[in-house]
């Protein structure tokens, strides 16, 4: 058992989500797909300053978490956002950060 397994499932889910979206290329892919109704993986590679192989690795991480879906169309794969999965993770983040944001604790000595 690794130490992260000692935390509740909600925190583990948030940590996995945060890890997946922590790379700017993955954020760029999500942003690109949000502006593109259906997208071929080659189009994404053209949009990012990365090789197709690297883009494919980032797409796999997003797909494995369920943030995107890929549908095979001949030799190409059309990717799209999975809104239900994105909504799930956004809700988890909002629930987690609500008490943090509402906290009155001030740690900045300039504000005390």
PDB file of N, CA and C in Angstrom:
ATOM      1  N   UNK A   1       0.848  -1.176   0.000  1.00  0.00           N
ATOM      2  CA  UNK A   1       0.000   0.000   0.000  1.00  0.00           C
ATOM      3  C   UNK A   1       0.898   1.246   0.000  1.00  0.00           C
ATOM      4  N   UNK A   2       0.643   2.169  -0.947  1.00  0.00           N
ATOM      5  CA  UNK A   2       1.389   3.425  -0.898  1.00  0.00           C
ATOM      6  C   UNK A   2       0.646   4.404   0.010  1.00  0.00           C
ATOM      7  N   UNK A   3       1.340   5.438   0.404  1.00  0.00           N
ATOM      8  CA  UNK A   3       0.774   6.358   1.399  1.00  0.00           C
ATOM      9  C   UNK A   3      -0.451   7.106   0.911  1.00  0.00           C
ATOM     10  N   UNK A   4      -0.560   7.347  -0.405  1.00  0.00           N
ATOM     11  CA  UNK A   4      -1.739   8.067  -0.901  1.00  0.00           C
ATOM     12  C   UNK A   4      -3.012   7.244  -0.715  1.00  0.00           C
ATOM     13  N   UNK A   5      -2.891   5.927  -0.628  1.00  0.00           N
ATOM     14  CA  UNK A   5      -4.065   5.078  -0.420  1.00  0.00           C
ATOM     15  C   UNK A   5      -4.649   5.233   0.980  1.00  0.00           C
ATOM     16  N   UNK A   6      -3.927   5.877   1.878  1.00  0.00           N
ATOM     17  CA  UNK A   6      -4.423   6.103   3.234  1.00  0.00           C
ATOM     18  C   UNK A   6      -5.428   7.248   3.297  1.00  0.00           C
ATOM     19  N   UNK A   7      -5.547   8.017   2.206  1.00  0.00           N
ATOM     20  CA  UNK A   7      -6.473   9.141   2.153  1.00  0.00           C
ATOM     21  C   UNK A   7      -7.786   8.689   1.534  1.00  0.00           C
ATOM     22  N   UNK A   8      -8.855   9.437   1.822  1.00  0.00           N
ATOM     23  CA  UNK A   8     -10.163   9.026   1.308  1.00  0.00           C
ATOM     24  C   UNK A   8     -10.214   9.143  -0.220  1.00  0.00           C
ATOM     25  N   UNK A   9     -11.183   8.445  -0.778  1.00  0.00           N
ATOM     26  CA  UNK A   9     -11.307   8.338  -2.234  1.00  0.00           C
ATOM     27  C   UNK A   9     -11.480   9.703  -2.897  1.00  0.00           C
ATOM     28  N   UNK A  10     -12.185  10.605  -2.235  1.00  0.00           N
ATOM     29  CA  UNK A  10     -12.403  11.943  -2.800  1.00  0.00           C
ATOM     30  C   UNK A  10     -11.084  12.660  -3.004  1.00  0.00           C
ATOM     31  N   UNK A  11     -10.212  12.632  -2.007  1.00  0.00           N
ATOM     32  CA  UNK A  11      -8.913  13.288  -2.128  1.00  0.00           C
ATOM     33  C   UNK A  11      -8.027  12.584  -3.151  1.00  0.00           C
ATOM     34  N   UNK A  12      -8.118  11.274  -3.220  1.00  0.00           N
ATOM     35  CA  UNK A  12      -7.351  10.539  -4.216  1.00  0.00           C
ATOM     36  C   UNK A  12      -7.813  10.911  -5.630  1.00  0.00           C
ATOM     37  N   UNK A  13      -9.129  10.999  -5.825  1.00  0.00           N
ATOM     38  CA  UNK A  13      -9.662  11.400  -7.140  1.00  0.00           C
ATOM     39  C   UNK A  13      -9.198  12.796  -7.525  1.00  0.00           C
ATOM     40  N   UNK A  14      -9.261  13.724  -6.578  1.00  0.00           N
ATOM     41  CA  UNK A  14      -8.806  15.088  -6.839  1.00  0.00           C
ATOM     42  C   UNK A  14      -7.322  15.120  -7.189  1.00  0.00           C
ATOM     43  N   UNK A  15      -6.526  14.337  -6.491  1.00  0.00           N
ATOM     44  CA  UNK A  15      -5.090  14.306  -6.740  1.00  0.00           C
ATOM     45  C   UNK A  15      -4.779  13.748  -8.135  1.00  0.00           C
ATOM     46  N   UNK A  16      -5.480  12.700  -8.529  1.00  0.00           N
ATOM     47  CA  UNK A  16      -5.268  12.124  -9.864  1.00  0.00           C
ATOM     48  C   UNK A  16      -5.663  13.140 -10.938  1.00  0.00           C
ATOM     49  N   UNK A  17      -6.807  13.780 -10.748  1.00  0.00           N
ATOM     50  CA  UNK A  17      -7.270  14.801 -11.688  1.00  0.00           C
ATOM     51  C   UNK A  17      -6.252  15.934 -11.794  1.00  0.00           C
ATOM     52  N   UNK A  18      -5.794  16.423 -10.641  1.00  0.00           N
ATOM     53  CA  UNK A  18      -4.826  17.520 -10.625  1.00  0.00           C
ATOM     54  C   UNK A  18      -3.534  17.121 -11.324  1.00  0.00           C
ATOM     55  N   UNK A  19      -3.113  15.899 -11.124  1.00  0.00           N
ATOM     56  CA  UNK A  19      -1.882  15.430 -11.763  1.00  0.00           C
ATOM     57  C   UNK A  19      -2.044  15.397 -13.280  1.00  0.00           C
ATOM     58  N   UNK A  20      -3.187  14.906 -13.733  1.00  0.00           N
ATOM     59  CA  UNK A  20      -3.407  14.817 -15.186  1.00  0.00           C
ATOM     60  C   UNK A  20      -3.468  16.198 -15.825  1.00  0.00           C
ATOM     61  N   UNK A  21      -4.131  17.148 -15.183  1.00  0.00           N
ATOM     62  CA  UNK A  21      -4.256  18.474 -15.805  1.00  0.00           C
ATOM     63  C   UNK A  21      -3.091  19.402 -15.465  1.00  0.00           C
ATOM     64  N   UNK A  22      -2.093  18.878 -14.752  1.00  0.00           N
ATOM     65  CA  UNK A  22      -0.983  19.737 -14.331  1.00  0.00           C
ATOM     66  C   UNK A  22       0.008  20.070 -15.442  1.00  0.00           C
ATOM     67  N   UNK A  23      -0.132  19.453 -16.597  1.00  0.00           N
ATOM     68  CA  UNK A  23       0.786  19.750 -17.701  1.00  0.00           C
ATOM     69  C   UNK A  23       0.134  20.756 -18.652  1.00  0.00           C
ATOM     70  N   UNK A  24       0.876  21.792 -19.039  1.00  0.00           N
ATOM     71  CA  UNK A  24       0.284  22.809 -19.928  1.00  0.00           C
ATOM     72  C   UNK A  24      -0.172  22.254 -21.278  1.00  0.00           C
ATOM     73  N   UNK A  25       0.473  21.213 -21.765  1.00  0.00           N
ATOM     74  CA  UNK A  25       0.044  20.616 -23.034  1.00  0.00           C
ATOM     75  C   UNK A  25      -1.346  20.005 -22.896  1.00  0.00           C
ATOM     76  N   UNK A  26      -1.606  19.388 -21.770  1.00  0.00           N
ATOM     77  CA  UNK A  26      -2.926  18.776 -21.554  1.00  0.00           C
ATOM     78  C   UNK A  26      -3.992  19.842 -21.400  1.00  0.00           C
ATOM     79  N   UNK A  27      -3.648  20.923 -20.732  1.00  0.00           N
ATOM     80  CA  UNK A  27      -4.590  22.045 -20.642  1.00  0.00           C
ATOM     81  C   UNK A  27      -4.850  22.634 -22.021  1.00  0.00           C
ATOM     82  N   UNK A  28      -3.809  22.748 -22.821  1.00  0.00           N
ATOM     83  CA  UNK A  28      -3.963  23.276 -24.184  1.00  0.00           C
ATOM     84  C   UNK A  28      -4.854  22.358 -25.024  1.00  0.00           C
ATOM     85  N   UNK A  29      -4.708  21.054 -24.847  1.00  0.00           N
ATOM     86  CA  UNK A  29      -5.555  20.107 -25.580  1.00  0.00           C
ATOM     87  C   UNK A  29      -7.010  20.274 -25.165  1.00  0.00           C
ATOM     88  N   UNK A  30      -7.272  20.364 -23.870  1.00  0.00           N
ATOM     89  CA  UNK A  30      -8.648  20.564 -23.396  1.00  0.00           C
ATOM     90  C   UNK A  30      -9.227  21.868 -23.929  1.00  0.00           C
ATOM     91  N   UNK A  31      -8.413  22.913 -23.907  1.00  0.00           N
ATOM     92  CA  UNK A  31      -8.861  24.207 -24.416  1.00  0.00           C
ATOM     93  C   UNK A  31      -9.162  24.121 -25.910  1.00  0.00           C
ATOM     94  N   UNK A  32      -8.290  23.472 -26.660  1.00  0.00           N
ATOM     95  CA  UNK A  32      -8.485  23.316 -28.102  1.00  0.00           C
ATOM     96  C   UNK A  32      -9.771  22.533 -28.386  1.00  0.00           C
ATOM     97  N   UNK A  33      -9.972  21.433 -27.661  1.00  0.00           N
ATOM     98  CA  UNK A  33     -11.170  20.633 -27.883  1.00  0.00           C
ATOM     99  C   UNK A  33     -12.439  21.374 -27.488  1.00  0.00           C
ATOM    100  N   UNK A  34     -12.339  22.286 -26.524  1.00  0.00           N
ATOM    101  CA  UNK A  34     -13.516  23.065 -26.134  1.00  0.00           C
ATOM    102  C   UNK A  34     -13.948  24.026 -27.234  1.00  0.00           C
ATOM    103  N   UNK A  35     -13.015  24.365 -28.108  1.00  0.00           N
ATOM    104  CA  UNK A  35     -13.305  25.290 -29.207  1.00  0.00           C
ATOM    105  C   UNK A  35     -13.556  24.562 -30.520  1.00  0.00           C
ATOM    106  N   UNK A  36     -13.347  23.244 -30.528  1.00  0.00           N
ATOM    107  CA  UNK A  36     -13.457  22.451 -31.748  1.00  0.00           C
ATOM    108  C   UNK A  36     -14.450  21.326 -31.504  1.00  0.00           C
ATOM    109  N   UNK A  37     -15.587  21.300 -32.210  1.00  0.00           N
ATOM    110  CA  UNK A  37     -16.613  20.301 -31.934  1.00  0.00           C
ATOM    111  C   UNK A  37     -16.116  18.852 -32.084  1.00  0.00           C
ATOM    112  N   UNK A  38     -15.394  18.554 -33.115  1.00  0.00           N
ATOM    113  CA  UNK A  38     -14.813  17.236 -33.323  1.00  0.00           C
ATOM    114  C   UNK A  38     -13.417  17.459 -33.841  1.00  0.00           C
ATOM    115  N   UNK A  39     -12.499  16.662 -33.429  1.00  0.00           N
ATOM    116  CA  UNK A  39     -11.123  16.962 -33.751  1.00  0.00           C
ATOM    117  C   UNK A  39     -10.363  15.689 -34.065  1.00  0.00           C
ATOM    118  N   UNK A  40      -9.520  15.743 -35.053  1.00  0.00           N
ATOM    119  CA  UNK A  40      -8.660  14.629 -35.414  1.00  0.00           C
ATOM    120  C   UNK A  40      -7.327  14.831 -34.708  1.00  0.00           C
ATOM    121  N   UNK A  41      -6.741  13.744 -34.235  1.00  0.00           N
ATOM    122  CA  UNK A  41      -5.506  13.862 -33.455  1.00  0.00           C
ATOM    123  C   UNK A  41      -4.413  14.613 -34.199  1.00  0.00           C
ATOM    124  N   UNK A  42      -4.330  14.471 -35.501  1.00  0.00           N
ATOM    125  CA  UNK A  42      -3.330  15.210 -36.278  1.00  0.00           C
ATOM    126  C   UNK A  42      -3.530  16.705 -36.187  1.00  0.00           C
ATOM    127  N   UNK A  43      -4.796  17.144 -36.133  1.00  0.00           N
ATOM    128  CA  UNK A  43      -5.099  18.565 -35.981  1.00  0.00           C
ATOM    129  C   UNK A  43      -4.548  19.098 -34.663  1.00  0.00           C
ATOM    130  N   UNK A  44      -4.653  18.301 -33.622  1.00  0.00           N
ATOM    131  CA  UNK A  44      -4.155  18.710 -32.315  1.00  0.00           C
ATOM    132  C   UNK A  44      -2.638  18.861 -32.374  1.00  0.00           C
ATOM    133  N   UNK A  45      -1.963  17.934 -33.034  1.00  0.00           N
ATOM    134  CA  UNK A  45      -0.506  18.013 -33.170  1.00  0.00           C
ATOM    135  C   UNK A  45      -0.087  19.262 -33.925  1.00  0.00           C
ATOM    136  N   UNK A  46      -0.902  19.675 -34.875  1.00  0.00           N
ATOM    137  CA  UNK A  46      -0.591  20.893 -35.634  1.00  0.00           C
ATOM    138  C   UNK A  46      -0.748  22.137 -34.761  1.00  0.00           C
ATOM    139  N   UNK A  47      -1.622  22.065 -33.787  1.00  0.00           N
ATOM    140  CA  UNK A  47      -1.921  23.189 -32.898  1.00  0.00           C
ATOM    141  C   UNK A  47      -0.862  23.372 -31.817  1.00  0.00           C
ATOM    142  N   UNK A  48      -0.252  22.288 -31.368  1.00  0.00           N
ATOM    143  CA  UNK A  48       0.716  22.331 -30.274  1.00  0.00           C
ATOM    144  C   UNK A  48       2.152  22.265 -30.787  1.00  0.00           C
ATOM    145  N   UNK A  49       3.088  22.859 -30.072  1.00  0.00           N
ATOM    146  CA  UNK A  49       4.494  22.821 -30.489  1.00  0.00           C
ATOM    147  C   UNK A  49       5.178  21.538 -30.015  1.00  0.00           C
ATOM    148  N   UNK A  50       4.495  20.400 -30.219  1.00  0.00           N
ATOM    149  CA  UNK A  50       5.007  19.111 -29.773  1.00  0.00           C
ATOM    150  C   UNK A  50       4.885  18.088 -30.895  1.00  0.00           C
ATOM    151  N   UNK A  51       5.673  17.036 -30.810  1.00  0.00           N
ATOM    152  CA  UNK A  51       5.603  15.971 -31.810  1.00  0.00           C
ATOM    153  C   UNK A  51       4.288  15.207 -31.659  1.00  0.00           C
ATOM    154  N   UNK A  52       3.900  14.507 -32.711  1.00  0.00           N
ATOM    155  CA  UNK A  52       2.669  13.709 -32.660  1.00  0.00           C
ATOM    156  C   UNK A  52       2.747  12.640 -31.569  1.00  0.00           C
ATOM    157  N   UNK A  53       3.932  12.066 -31.393  1.00  0.00           N
ATOM    158  CA  UNK A  53       4.113  11.044 -30.360  1.00  0.00           C
ATOM    159  C   UNK A  53       3.856  11.621 -28.974  1.00  0.00           C
ATOM    160  N   UNK A  54       4.400  12.794 -28.716  1.00  0.00           N
ATOM    161  CA  UNK A  54       4.209  13.436 -27.413  1.00  0.00           C
ATOM    162  C   UNK A  54       2.749  13.809 -27.215  1.00  0.00           C
ATOM    163  N   UNK A  55       2.127  14.347 -28.246  1.00  0.00           N
ATOM    164  CA  UNK A  55       0.703  14.692 -28.160  1.00  0.00           C
ATOM    165  C   UNK A  55      -0.117  13.439 -27.882  1.00  0.00           C
ATOM    166  N   UNK A  56       0.226  12.332 -28.525  1.00  0.00           N
ATOM    167  CA  UNK A  56      -0.490  11.075 -28.298  1.00  0.00           C
ATOM    168  C   UNK A  56      -0.385  10.630 -26.843  1.00  0.00           C
ATOM    169  N   UNK A  57       0.763  10.815 -26.230  1.00  0.00           N
ATOM    170  CA  UNK A  57       0.931  10.456 -24.821  1.00  0.00           C
ATOM    171  C   UNK A  57       0.043  11.322 -23.930  1.00  0.00           C
ATOM    172  N   UNK A  58      -0.042  12.609 -24.249  1.00  0.00           N
ATOM    173  CA  UNK A  58      -0.902  13.500 -23.468  1.00  0.00           C
ATOM    174  C   UNK A  58      -2.375  13.160 -23.689  1.00  0.00           C
ATOM    175  N   UNK A  59      -2.745  12.833 -24.912  1.00  0.00           N
ATOM    176  CA  UNK A  59      -4.116  12.430 -25.200  1.00  0.00           C
ATOM    177  C   UNK A  59      -4.473  11.161 -24.421  1.00  0.00           C
ATOM    178  N   UNK A  60      -3.541  10.245 -24.330  1.00  0.00           N
ATOM    179  CA  UNK A  60      -3.778   8.999 -23.591  1.00  0.00           C
ATOM    180  C   UNK A  60      -4.053   9.286 -22.113  1.00  0.00           C
ATOM    181  N   UNK A  61      -3.282  10.186 -21.505  1.00  0.00           N
ATOM    182  CA  UNK A  61      -3.497  10.523 -20.097  1.00  0.00           C
ATOM    183  C   UNK A  61      -4.893  11.119 -19.896  1.00  0.00           C
ATOM    184  N   UNK A  62      -5.300  12.006 -20.790  1.00  0.00           N
ATOM    185  CA  UNK A  62      -6.630  12.620 -20.701  1.00  0.00           C
ATOM    186  C   UNK A  62      -7.731  11.585 -20.943  1.00  0.00           C
ATOM    187  N   UNK A  63      -7.484  10.694 -21.899  1.00  0.00           N
ATOM    188  CA  UNK A  63      -8.454   9.640 -22.223  1.00  0.00           C
ATOM    189  C   UNK A  63      -8.568   8.638 -21.075  1.00  0.00           C
ATOM    190  N   UNK A  64      -7.440   8.244 -20.489  1.00  0.00           N
ATOM    191  CA  UNK A  64      -7.457   7.275 -19.388  1.00  0.00           C
ATOM    192  C   UNK A  64      -8.262   7.782 -18.189  1.00  0.00           C
ATOM    193  N   UNK A  65      -8.227   9.076 -17.946  1.00  0.00           N
ATOM    194  CA  UNK A  65      -9.005   9.658 -16.853  1.00  0.00           C
ATOM    195  C   UNK A  65     -10.469   9.872 -17.243  1.00  0.00           C
ATOM    196  N   UNK A  66     -10.752   9.819 -18.521  1.00  0.00           N
ATOM    197  CA  UNK A  66     -12.127   9.989 -18.987  1.00  0.00           C
ATOM    198  C   UNK A  66     -12.503  11.412 -19.326  1.00  0.00           C
ATOM    199  N   UNK A  67     -11.505  12.303 -19.406  1.00  0.00           N
ATOM    200  CA  UNK A  67     -11.800  13.703 -19.744  1.00  0.00           C
ATOM    201  C   UNK A  67     -12.094  13.888 -21.225  1.00  0.00           C
ATOM    202  N   UNK A  68     -11.575  12.977 -22.051  1.00  0.00           N
ATOM    203  CA  UNK A  68     -11.851  13.015 -23.485  1.00  0.00           C
ATOM    204  C   UNK A  68     -12.190  11.602 -23.963  1.00  0.00           C
ATOM    205  N   UNK A  69     -12.848  11.557 -25.112  1.00  0.00           N
ATOM    206  CA  UNK A  69     -13.160  10.291 -25.785  1.00  0.00           C
ATOM    207  C   UNK A  69     -12.545  10.354 -27.165  1.00  0.00           C
ATOM    208  N   UNK A  70     -12.115   9.205 -27.644  1.00  0.00           N
ATOM    209  CA  UNK A  70     -11.612   9.127 -29.000  1.00  0.00           C
ATOM    210  C   UNK A  70     -12.396   8.096 -29.781  1.00  0.00           C
ATOM    211  N   UNK A  71     -12.809   8.491 -30.977  1.00  0.00           N
ATOM    212  CA  UNK A  71     -13.566   7.586 -31.832  1.00  0.00           C
ATOM    213  C   UNK A  71     -12.763   7.347 -33.104  1.00  0.00           C
ATOM    214  N   UNK A  72     -12.526   6.088 -33.408  1.00  0.00           N
ATOM    215  CA  UNK A  72     -11.728   5.742 -34.591  1.00  0.00           C
ATOM    216  C   UNK A  72     -12.560   5.986 -35.837  1.00  0.00           C
ATOM    217  N   UNK A  73     -11.953   6.686 -36.785  1.00  0.00           N
ATOM    218  CA  UNK A  73     -12.586   6.995 -38.065  1.00  0.00           C
ATOM    219  C   UNK A  73     -11.576   6.647 -39.152  1.00  0.00           C
ATOM    220  N   UNK A  74     -11.569   5.383 -39.568  1.00  0.00           N
ATOM    221  CA  UNK A  74     -10.564   4.939 -40.539  1.00  0.00           C
ATOM    222  C   UNK A  74      -9.199   4.905 -39.875  1.00  0.00           C
ATOM    223  N   UNK A  75      -8.262   5.665 -40.421  1.00  0.00           N
ATOM    224  CA  UNK A  75      -6.917   5.728 -39.863  1.00  0.00           C
ATOM    225  C   UNK A  75      -6.749   6.872 -38.871  1.00  0.00           C
ATOM    226  N   UNK A  76      -7.801   7.620 -38.654  1.00  0.00           N
ATOM    227  CA  UNK A  76      -7.732   8.785 -37.773  1.00  0.00           C
ATOM    228  C   UNK A  76      -8.575   8.557 -36.530  1.00  0.00           C
ATOM    229  N   UNK A  77      -8.296   9.354 -35.517  1.00  0.00           N
ATOM    230  CA  UNK A  77      -9.097   9.309 -34.292  1.00  0.00           C
ATOM    231  C   UNK A  77      -9.675  10.697 -34.054  1.00  0.00           C
ATOM    232  N   UNK A  78     -10.981  10.754 -33.908  1.00  0.00           N
ATOM    233  CA  UNK A  78     -11.663  12.004 -33.596  1.00  0.00           C
ATOM    234  C   UNK A  78     -11.839  12.088 -32.093  1.00  0.00           C
ATOM    235  N   UNK A  79     -11.317  13.159 -31.503  1.00  0.00           N
ATOM    236  CA  UNK A  79     -11.406  13.342 -30.056  1.00  0.00           C
ATOM    237  C   UNK A  79     -12.452  14.397 -29.727  1.00  0.00           C
ATOM    238  N   UNK A  80     -13.095  14.214 -28.576  1.00  0.00           N
ATOM    239  CA  UNK A  80     -14.029  15.216 -28.070  1.00  0.00           C
ATOM    240  C   UNK A  80     -14.003  15.181 -26.548  1.00  0.00           C
ATOM    241  N   UNK A  81     -14.473  16.250 -25.943  1.00  0.00           N
ATOM    242  CA  UNK A  81     -14.523  16.348 -24.486  1.00  0.00           C
ATOM    243  C   UNK A  81     -15.627  15.453 -23.933  1.00  0.00           C
ATOM    244  N   UNK A  82     -15.408  14.917 -22.767  1.00  0.00           N
ATOM    245  CA  UNK A  82     -16.432  14.153 -22.052  1.00  0.00           C
ATOM    246  C   UNK A  82     -16.993  15.065 -20.964  1.00  0.00           C
ATOM    247  N   UNK A  83     -18.071  15.733 -21.273  1.00  0.00           N
ATOM    248  CA  UNK A  83     -18.594  16.753 -20.373  1.00  0.00           C
ATOM    249  C   UNK A  83     -19.027  16.186 -19.024  1.00  0.00           C
ATOM    250  N   UNK A  84     -19.551  14.978 -18.984  1.00  0.00           N
ATOM    251  CA  UNK A  84     -19.987  14.420 -17.698  1.00  0.00           C
ATOM    252  C   UNK A  84     -18.797  14.187 -16.772  1.00  0.00           C
ATOM    253  N   UNK A  85     -17.697  13.727 -17.296  1.00  0.00           N
ATOM    254  CA  UNK A  85     -16.498  13.512 -16.487  1.00  0.00           C
ATOM    255  C   UNK A  85     -15.897  14.845 -16.038  1.00  0.00           C
ATOM    256  N   UNK A  86     -15.871  15.813 -16.932  1.00  0.00           N
ATOM    257  CA  UNK A  86     -15.342  17.134 -16.584  1.00  0.00           C
ATOM    258  C   UNK A  86     -16.205  17.765 -15.494  1.00  0.00           C
ATOM    259  N   UNK A  87     -17.514  17.658 -15.622  1.00  0.00           N
ATOM    260  CA  UNK A  87     -18.423  18.202 -14.601  1.00  0.00           C
ATOM    261  C   UNK A  87     -18.190  17.531 -13.252  1.00  0.00           C
ATOM    262  N   UNK A  88     -17.964  16.228 -13.261  1.00  0.00           N
ATOM    263  CA  UNK A  88     -17.702  15.492 -12.019  1.00  0.00           C
ATOM    264  C   UNK A  88     -16.472  16.055 -11.312  1.00  0.00           C
ATOM    265  N   UNK A  89     -15.379  16.234 -12.058  1.00  0.00           N
ATOM    266  CA  UNK A  89     -14.143  16.728 -11.439  1.00  0.00           C
ATOM    267  C   UNK A  89     -14.259  18.198 -11.035  1.00  0.00           C
ATOM    268  N   UNK A  90     -14.964  18.987 -11.808  1.00  0.00           N
ATOM    269  CA  UNK A  90     -15.165  20.386 -11.445  1.00  0.00           C
ATOM    270  C   UNK A  90     -15.975  20.479 -10.152  1.00  0.00           C
ATOM    271  N   UNK A  91     -16.978  19.632 -10.010  1.00  0.00           N
ATOM    272  CA  UNK A  91     -17.792  19.618  -8.795  1.00  0.00           C
ATOM    273  C   UNK A  91     -16.939  19.220  -7.590  1.00  0.00           C
ATOM    274  N   UNK A  92     -16.080  18.207  -7.756  1.00  0.00           N
ATOM    275  CA  UNK A  92     -15.185  17.804  -6.665  1.00  0.00           C
ATOM    276  C   UNK A  92     -14.278  18.956  -6.254  1.00  0.00           C
ATOM    277  N   UNK A  93     -13.733  19.668  -7.244  1.00  0.00           N
ATOM    278  CA  UNK A  93     -12.847  20.797  -6.954  1.00  0.00           C
ATOM    279  C   UNK A  93     -13.606  21.913  -6.250  1.00  0.00           C
ATOM    280  N   UNK A  94     -14.806  22.220  -6.730  1.00  0.00           N
ATOM    281  CA  UNK A  94     -15.606  23.277  -6.102  1.00  0.00           C
ATOM    282  C   UNK A  94     -15.944  22.929  -4.657  1.00  0.00           C
ATOM    283  N   UNK A  95     -16.323  21.674  -4.410  1.00  0.00           N
ATOM    284  CA  UNK A  95     -16.645  21.245  -3.052  1.00  0.00           C
ATOM    285  C   UNK A  95     -15.416  21.294  -2.144  1.00  0.00           C
ATOM    286  N   UNK A  96     -14.259  20.946  -2.700  1.00  0.00           N
ATOM    287  CA  UNK A  96     -13.034  20.972  -1.916  1.00  0.00           C
ATOM    288  C   UNK A  96     -12.616  22.403  -1.584  1.00  0.00           C
ATOM    289  N   UNK A  97     -12.661  23.289  -2.577  1.00  0.00           N
ATOM    290  CA  UNK A  97     -12.151  24.639  -2.367  1.00  0.00           C
ATOM    291  C   UNK A  97     -13.143  25.591  -1.713  1.00  0.00           C
ATOM    292  N   UNK A  98     -14.419  25.261  -1.635  1.00  0.00           N
ATOM    293  CA  UNK A  98     -15.404  26.158  -1.020  1.00  0.00           C
ATOM    294  C   UNK A  98     -15.033  26.515   0.422  1.00  0.00           C
ATOM    295  N   UNK A  99     -14.744  25.544   1.289  1.00  0.00           N
ATOM    296  CA  UNK A  99     -14.368  25.927   2.659  1.00  0.00           C
ATOM    297  C   UNK A  99     -13.004  26.603   2.724  1.00  0.00           C
ATOM    298  N   UNK A 100     -12.129  26.250   1.824  1.00  0.00           N
ATOM    299  CA  UNK A 100     -10.812  26.894   1.784  1.00  0.00           C
ATOM    300  C   UNK A 100     -10.976  28.365   1.427  1.00  0.00           C
ATOM    301  N   UNK A 101     -11.784  28.639   0.429  1.00  0.00           N
ATOM    302  CA  UNK A 101     -12.021  30.007  -0.017  1.00  0.00           C
ATOM    303  C   UNK A 101     -12.763  30.819   1.050  1.00  0.00           C
ATOM    304  N   UNK A 102     -13.665  30.171   1.766  1.00  0.00           N
ATOM    305  CA  UNK A 102     -14.467  30.865   2.777  1.00  0.00           C
ATOM    306  C   UNK A 102     -13.708  31.098   4.079  1.00  0.00           C
ATOM    307  N   UNK A 103     -12.574  30.479   4.225  1.00  0.00           N
ATOM    308  CA  UNK A 103     -11.795  30.606   5.456  1.00  0.00           C
ATOM    309  C   UNK A 103     -11.352  32.048   5.667  1.00  0.00           C
ATOM    310  N   UNK A 104     -11.407  32.499   6.932  1.00  0.00           N
ATOM    311  CA  UNK A 104     -10.997  33.858   7.278  1.00  0.00           C
ATOM    312  C   UNK A 104      -9.540  33.948   7.724  1.00  0.00           C
ATOM    313  N   UNK A 105      -8.854  32.833   7.667  1.00  0.00           N
ATOM    314  CA  UNK A 105      -7.461  32.806   8.114  1.00  0.00           C
ATOM    315  C   UNK A 105      -6.592  33.577   7.130  1.00  0.00           C
ATOM    316  N   UNK A 106      -5.799  34.508   7.655  1.00  0.00           N
ATOM    317  CA  UNK A 106      -4.898  35.320   6.827  1.00  0.00           C
ATOM    318  C   UNK A 106      -3.468  34.954   7.204  1.00  0.00           C
ATOM    319  N   UNK A 107      -2.708  34.482   6.245  1.00  0.00           N
ATOM    320  CA  UNK A 107      -1.326  34.096   6.516  1.00  0.00           C
ATOM    321  C   UNK A 107      -0.322  35.108   6.000  1.00  0.00           C
ATOM    322  N   UNK A 108      -0.771  36.107   5.299  1.00  0.00           N
ATOM    323  CA  UNK A 108       0.116  37.128   4.758  1.00  0.00           C
ATOM    324  C   UNK A 108       0.357  38.180   5.848  1.00  0.00           C
ATOM    325  N   UNK A 109       1.603  38.297   6.350  1.00  0.00           N
ATOM    326  CA  UNK A 109       1.870  39.257   7.428  1.00  0.00           C
ATOM    327  C   UNK A 109       1.542  40.707   7.056  1.00  0.00           C
ATOM    328  N   UNK A 110       1.542  41.031   5.791  1.00  0.00           N
ATOM    329  CA  UNK A 110       1.214  42.389   5.343  1.00  0.00           C
ATOM    330  C   UNK A 110      -0.253  42.707   5.534  1.00  0.00           C
ATOM    331  N   UNK A 111      -1.100  41.659   5.561  1.00  0.00           N
ATOM    332  CA  UNK A 111      -2.543  41.856   5.702  1.00  0.00           C
ATOM    333  C   UNK A 111      -3.008  41.758   7.146  1.00  0.00           C
ATOM    334  N   UNK A 112      -2.132  41.454   8.073  1.00  0.00           N
ATOM    335  CA  UNK A 112      -2.540  41.293   9.466  1.00  0.00           C
ATOM    336  C   UNK A 112      -2.472  42.571  10.235  1.00  0.00           C
TER     337      UNK A 112
END
